[in-house]
Amino acid sequence: MAKWVGPGRLEVRQVMLDGRRVFKVTRRGYLVEYCHSIHRLAELVDLADLVEVIELPER
């Protein structure tokens, strides 16, 4: 699934939770919140500060 990073070692991952896609927000490895909408995520972090991380497959 998708992964974004932001300032202050913020990490946002799109994960499945109870059959729904949600945003798992962590800071420095600690869970901050599961956001069920992009609007809630935008309340926690400025979306313009997030950078998508592309994980390439191993050879």
PDB file of N, CA and C in Angstrom:
ATOM      1  N   MET A   1       0.841  -1.184   0.000  1.00  0.00           N
ATOM      2  CA  MET A   1       0.000   0.000   0.000  1.00  0.00           C
ATOM      3  C   MET A   1       0.891   1.254   0.000  1.00  0.00           C
ATOM      4  N   ALA A   2       0.271   2.382  -0.140  1.00  0.00           N
ATOM      5  CA  ALA A   2       0.982   3.648  -0.270  1.00  0.00           C
ATOM      6  C   ALA A   2       1.579   4.099   1.059  1.00  0.00           C
ATOM      7  N   LYS A   3       2.682   4.871   0.943  1.00  0.00           N
ATOM      8  CA  LYS A   3       3.366   5.399   2.127  1.00  0.00           C
ATOM      9  C   LYS A   3       3.836   6.817   1.828  1.00  0.00           C
ATOM     10  N   TRP A   4       3.614   7.719   2.800  1.00  0.00           N
ATOM     11  CA  TRP A   4       4.082   9.099   2.707  1.00  0.00           C
ATOM     12  C   TRP A   4       4.844   9.436   3.977  1.00  0.00           C
ATOM     13  N   VAL A   5       5.806  10.352   3.862  1.00  0.00           N
ATOM     14  CA  VAL A   5       6.541  10.837   5.027  1.00  0.00           C
ATOM     15  C   VAL A   5       6.415  12.352   5.083  1.00  0.00           C
ATOM     16  N   GLY A   6       6.551  12.883   6.301  1.00  0.00           N
ATOM     17  CA  GLY A   6       6.429  14.319   6.498  1.00  0.00           C
ATOM     18  C   GLY A   6       7.389  14.792   7.565  1.00  0.00           C
ATOM     19  N   PRO A   7       7.302  16.048   7.921  1.00  0.00           N
ATOM     20  CA  PRO A   7       8.213  16.623   8.910  1.00  0.00           C
ATOM     21  C   PRO A   7       8.043  15.987  10.283  1.00  0.00           C
ATOM     22  N   GLY A   8       9.123  15.983  11.052  1.00  0.00           N
ATOM     23  CA  GLY A   8       9.072  15.441  12.411  1.00  0.00           C
ATOM     24  C   GLY A   8       8.942  13.932  12.448  1.00  0.00           C
ATOM     25  N   ARG A   9       9.499  13.255  11.433  1.00  0.00           N
ATOM     26  CA  ARG A   9       9.444  11.792  11.324  1.00  0.00           C
ATOM     27  C   ARG A   9       8.007  11.263  11.300  1.00  0.00           C
ATOM     28  N   LEU A  10       7.132  12.047  10.698  1.00  0.00           N
ATOM     29  CA  LEU A  10       5.742  11.636  10.520  1.00  0.00           C
ATOM     30  C   LEU A  10       5.677  10.645   9.366  1.00  0.00           C
ATOM     31  N   GLU A  11       4.892   9.604   9.533  1.00  0.00           N
ATOM     32  CA  GLU A  11       4.714   8.604   8.486  1.00  0.00           C
ATOM     33  C   GLU A  11       3.231   8.288   8.348  1.00  0.00           C
ATOM     34  N   VAL A  12       2.768   8.265   7.116  1.00  0.00           N
ATOM     35  CA  VAL A  12       1.371   7.946   6.824  1.00  0.00           C
ATOM     36  C   VAL A  12       1.359   6.765   5.872  1.00  0.00           C
ATOM     37  N   ARG A  13       0.652   5.727   6.251  1.00  0.00           N
ATOM     38  CA  ARG A  13       0.505   4.549   5.399  1.00  0.00           C
ATOM     39  C   ARG A  13      -0.968   4.289   5.168  1.00  0.00           C
ATOM     40  N   GLN A  14      -1.276   3.821   3.981  1.00  0.00           N
ATOM     41  CA  GLN A  14      -2.636   3.395   3.687  1.00  0.00           C
ATOM     42  C   GLN A  14      -2.694   1.900   3.997  1.00  0.00           C
ATOM     43  N   VAL A  15      -3.569   1.513   4.925  1.00  0.00           N
ATOM     44  CA  VAL A  15      -3.653   0.127   5.377  1.00  0.00           C
ATOM     45  C   VAL A  15      -5.118  -0.323   5.376  1.00  0.00           C
ATOM     46  N   MET A  16      -5.310  -1.635   5.472  1.00  0.00           N
ATOM     47  CA  MET A  16      -6.654  -2.203   5.596  1.00  0.00           C
ATOM     48  C   MET A  16      -6.944  -2.414   7.077  1.00  0.00           C
ATOM     49  N   LEU A  17      -8.087  -1.940   7.536  1.00  0.00           N
ATOM     50  CA  LEU A  17      -8.516  -2.100   8.922  1.00  0.00           C
ATOM     51  C   LEU A  17     -10.003  -2.435   8.909  1.00  0.00           C
ATOM     52  N   ASP A  18     -10.331  -3.615   9.365  1.00  0.00           N
ATOM     53  CA  ASP A  18     -11.726  -4.079   9.369  1.00  0.00           C
ATOM     54  C   ASP A  18     -12.352  -4.009   7.976  1.00  0.00           C
ATOM     55  N   GLY A  19     -11.561  -4.353   6.961  1.00  0.00           N
ATOM     56  CA  GLY A  19     -12.072  -4.380   5.596  1.00  0.00           C
ATOM     57  C   GLY A  19     -12.156  -3.036   4.906  1.00  0.00           C
ATOM     58  N   ARG A  20     -11.683  -1.967   5.567  1.00  0.00           N
ATOM     59  CA  ARG A  20     -11.707  -0.618   4.986  1.00  0.00           C
ATOM     60  C   ARG A  20     -10.287  -0.090   4.856  1.00  0.00           C
ATOM     61  N   ARG A  21     -10.067   0.696   3.825  1.00  0.00           N
ATOM     62  CA  ARG A  21      -8.773   1.364   3.685  1.00  0.00           C
ATOM     63  C   ARG A  21      -8.780   2.617   4.549  1.00  0.00           C
ATOM     64  N   VAL A  22      -7.782   2.724   5.406  1.00  0.00           N
ATOM     65  CA  VAL A  22      -7.651   3.886   6.286  1.00  0.00           C
ATOM     66  C   VAL A  22      -6.209   4.371   6.240  1.00  0.00           C
ATOM     67  N   PHE A  23      -5.978   5.556   6.770  1.00  0.00           N
ATOM     68  CA  PHE A  23      -4.638   6.113   6.860  1.00  0.00           C
ATOM     69  C   PHE A  23      -4.121   5.905   8.276  1.00  0.00           C
ATOM     70  N   LYS A  24      -3.009   5.186   8.399  1.00  0.00           N
ATOM     71  CA  LYS A  24      -2.371   4.964   9.699  1.00  0.00           C
ATOM     72  C   LYS A  24      -1.287   6.022   9.855  1.00  0.00           C
ATOM     73  N   VAL A  25      -1.438   6.881  10.848  1.00  0.00           N
ATOM     74  CA  VAL A  25      -0.503   7.980  11.067  1.00  0.00           C
ATOM     75  C   VAL A  25       0.372   7.643  12.268  1.00  0.00           C
ATOM     76  N   THR A  26       1.689   7.658  12.055  1.00  0.00           N
ATOM     77  CA  THR A  26       2.635   7.416  13.143  1.00  0.00           C
ATOM     78  C   THR A  26       3.648   8.553  13.179  1.00  0.00           C
ATOM     79  N   ARG A  27       4.174   8.789  14.353  1.00  0.00           N
ATOM     80  CA  ARG A  27       5.255   9.769  14.529  1.00  0.00           C
ATOM     81  C   ARG A  27       6.318   9.117  15.398  1.00  0.00           C
ATOM     82  N   ARG A  28       7.526   9.048  14.830  1.00  0.00           N
ATOM     83  CA  ARG A  28       8.668   8.418  15.515  1.00  0.00           C
ATOM     84  C   ARG A  28       8.348   6.992  15.953  1.00  0.00           C
ATOM     85  N   GLY A  29       7.567   6.292  15.136  1.00  0.00           N
ATOM     86  CA  GLY A  29       7.253   4.899  15.400  1.00  0.00           C
ATOM     87  C   GLY A  29       6.052   4.662  16.296  1.00  0.00           C
ATOM     88  N   TYR A  30       5.464   5.719  16.831  1.00  0.00           N
ATOM     89  CA  TYR A  30       4.303   5.590  17.719  1.00  0.00           C
ATOM     90  C   TYR A  30       3.023   5.947  16.968  1.00  0.00           C
ATOM     91  N   LEU A  31       1.986   5.164  17.183  1.00  0.00           N
ATOM     92  CA  LEU A  31       0.705   5.401  16.532  1.00  0.00           C
ATOM     93  C   LEU A  31       0.099   6.713  17.025  1.00  0.00           C
ATOM     94  N   VAL A  32      -0.300   7.538  16.077  1.00  0.00           N
ATOM     95  CA  VAL A  32      -0.993   8.784  16.393  1.00  0.00           C
ATOM     96  C   VAL A  32      -2.500   8.567  16.249  1.00  0.00           C
ATOM     97  N   GLU A  33      -2.903   8.038  15.080  1.00  0.00           N
ATOM     98  CA  GLU A  33      -4.332   7.860  14.834  1.00  0.00           C
ATOM     99  C   GLU A  33      -4.547   7.076  13.545  1.00  0.00           C
ATOM    100  N   TYR A  34      -5.682   6.381  13.468  1.00  0.00           N
ATOM    101  CA  TYR A  34      -6.176   5.817  12.219  1.00  0.00           C
ATOM    102  C   TYR A  34      -7.200   6.805  11.679  1.00  0.00           C
ATOM    103  N   CYS A  35      -6.941   7.375  10.521  1.00  0.00           N
ATOM    104  CA  CYS A  35      -7.847   8.354   9.924  1.00  0.00           C
ATOM    105  C   CYS A  35      -8.709   7.659   8.880  1.00  0.00           C
ATOM    106  N   HIS A  36     -10.014   7.789   9.014  1.00  0.00           N
ATOM    107  CA  HIS A  36     -10.931   7.138   8.096  1.00  0.00           C
ATOM    108  C   HIS A  36     -11.268   8.010   6.891  1.00  0.00           C
ATOM    109  N   SER A  37     -10.772   9.243   6.864  1.00  0.00           N
ATOM    110  CA  SER A  37     -11.018  10.118   5.715  1.00  0.00           C
ATOM    111  C   SER A  37      -9.813  11.034   5.498  1.00  0.00           C
ATOM    112  N   ILE A  38      -9.694  11.499   4.274  1.00  0.00           N
ATOM    113  CA  ILE A  38      -8.615  12.429   3.936  1.00  0.00           C
ATOM    114  C   ILE A  38      -8.818  13.759   4.657  1.00  0.00           C
ATOM    115  N   HIS A  39     -10.065  14.091   4.957  1.00  0.00           N
ATOM    116  CA  HIS A  39     -10.360  15.340   5.670  1.00  0.00           C
ATOM    117  C   HIS A  39      -9.792  15.295   7.091  1.00  0.00           C
ATOM    118  N   ARG A  40      -9.930  14.156   7.746  1.00  0.00           N
ATOM    119  CA  ARG A  40      -9.376  14.013   9.098  1.00  0.00           C
ATOM    120  C   ARG A  40      -7.852  14.051   9.043  1.00  0.00           C
ATOM    121  N   LEU A  41      -7.264  13.407   8.035  1.00  0.00           N
ATOM    122  CA  LEU A  41      -5.808  13.431   7.880  1.00  0.00           C
ATOM    123  C   LEU A  41      -5.318  14.867   7.697  1.00  0.00           C
ATOM    124  N   ALA A  42      -6.059  15.657   6.923  1.00  0.00           N
ATOM    125  CA  ALA A  42      -5.682  17.055   6.677  1.00  0.00           C
ATOM    126  C   ALA A  42      -5.756  17.896   7.951  1.00  0.00           C
ATOM    127  N   GLU A  43      -6.564  17.484   8.922  1.00  0.00           N
ATOM    128  CA  GLU A  43      -6.615  18.192  10.200  1.00  0.00           C
ATOM    129  C   GLU A  43      -5.359  17.931  11.028  1.00  0.00           C
ATOM    130  N   LEU A  44      -4.717  16.776  10.808  1.00  0.00           N
ATOM    131  CA  LEU A  44      -3.517  16.421  11.575  1.00  0.00           C
ATOM    132  C   LEU A  44      -2.232  16.951  10.953  1.00  0.00           C
ATOM    133  N   VAL A  45      -2.195  16.995   9.634  1.00  0.00           N
ATOM    134  CA  VAL A  45      -0.960  17.365   8.938  1.00  0.00           C
ATOM    135  C   VAL A  45      -1.307  18.123   7.663  1.00  0.00           C
ATOM    136  N   ASP A  46      -0.466  19.075   7.294  1.00  0.00           N
ATOM    137  CA  ASP A  46      -0.634  19.787   6.033  1.00  0.00           C
ATOM    138  C   ASP A  46      -0.276  18.814   4.914  1.00  0.00           C
ATOM    139  N   LEU A  47      -1.236  18.485   4.073  1.00  0.00           N
ATOM    140  CA  LEU A  47      -1.018  17.486   3.037  1.00  0.00           C
ATOM    141  C   LEU A  47       0.087  17.887   2.062  1.00  0.00           C
ATOM    142  N   ALA A  48       0.340  19.167   1.909  1.00  0.00           N
ATOM    143  CA  ALA A  48       1.401  19.641   1.018  1.00  0.00           C
ATOM    144  C   ALA A  48       2.784  19.284   1.545  1.00  0.00           C
ATOM    145  N   ASP A  49       2.902  18.987   2.836  1.00  0.00           N
ATOM    146  CA  ASP A  49       4.185  18.614   3.427  1.00  0.00           C
ATOM    147  C   ASP A  49       4.520  17.137   3.246  1.00  0.00           C
ATOM    148  N   LEU A  50       3.552  16.341   2.805  1.00  0.00           N
ATOM    149  CA  LEU A  50       3.779  14.906   2.658  1.00  0.00           C
ATOM    150  C   LEU A  50       4.456  14.595   1.328  1.00  0.00           C
ATOM    151  N   VAL A  51       5.399  13.649   1.376  1.00  0.00           N
ATOM    152  CA  VAL A  51       6.119  13.201   0.194  1.00  0.00           C
ATOM    153  C   VAL A  51       5.911  11.703   0.067  1.00  0.00           C
ATOM    154  N   GLU A  52       5.463  11.243  -1.109  1.00  0.00           N
ATOM    155  CA  GLU A  52       5.223   9.814  -1.308  1.00  0.00           C
ATOM    156  C   GLU A  52       6.546   9.075  -1.448  1.00  0.00           C
ATOM    157  N   VAL A  53       6.634   7.925  -0.795  1.00  0.00           N
ATOM    158  CA  VAL A  53       7.805   7.062  -0.878  1.00  0.00           C
ATOM    159  C   VAL A  53       7.452   5.892  -1.785  1.00  0.00           C
ATOM    160  N   ILE A  54       8.232   5.737  -2.840  1.00  0.00           N
ATOM    161  CA  ILE A  54       8.018   4.635  -3.778  1.00  0.00           C
ATOM    162  C   ILE A  54       8.975   3.501  -3.395  1.00  0.00           C
ATOM    163  N   GLU A  55       8.413   2.364  -3.028  1.00  0.00           N
ATOM    164  CA  GLU A  55       9.238   1.219  -2.657  1.00  0.00           C
ATOM    165  C   GLU A  55       9.417   0.342  -3.885  1.00  0.00           C
ATOM    166  N   LEU A  56      10.651   0.234  -4.349  1.00  0.00           N
ATOM    167  CA  LEU A  56      10.958  -0.550  -5.532  1.00  0.00           C
ATOM    168  C   LEU A  56      11.134  -2.019  -5.142  1.00  0.00           C
ATOM    169  N   PRO A  57      10.742  -2.923  -6.030  1.00  0.00           N
ATOM    170  CA  PRO A  57      10.922  -4.344  -5.725  1.00  0.00           C
ATOM    171  C   PRO A  57      12.402  -4.711  -5.685  1.00  0.00           C
ATOM    172  N   GLU A  58      12.731  -5.677  -4.846  1.00  0.00           N
ATOM    173  CA  GLU A  58      14.116  -6.138  -4.765  1.00  0.00           C
ATOM    174  C   GLU A  58      14.427  -6.979  -5.975  1.00  0.00           C
ATOM    175  N   ARG A  59      15.702  -6.991  -6.348  1.00  0.00           N
ATOM    176  CA  ARG A  59      16.120  -7.798  -7.511  1.00  0.00           C
ATOM    177  C   ARG A  59      16.373  -9.215  -7.118  1.00  0.00           C
TER     178      ARG A  59
END
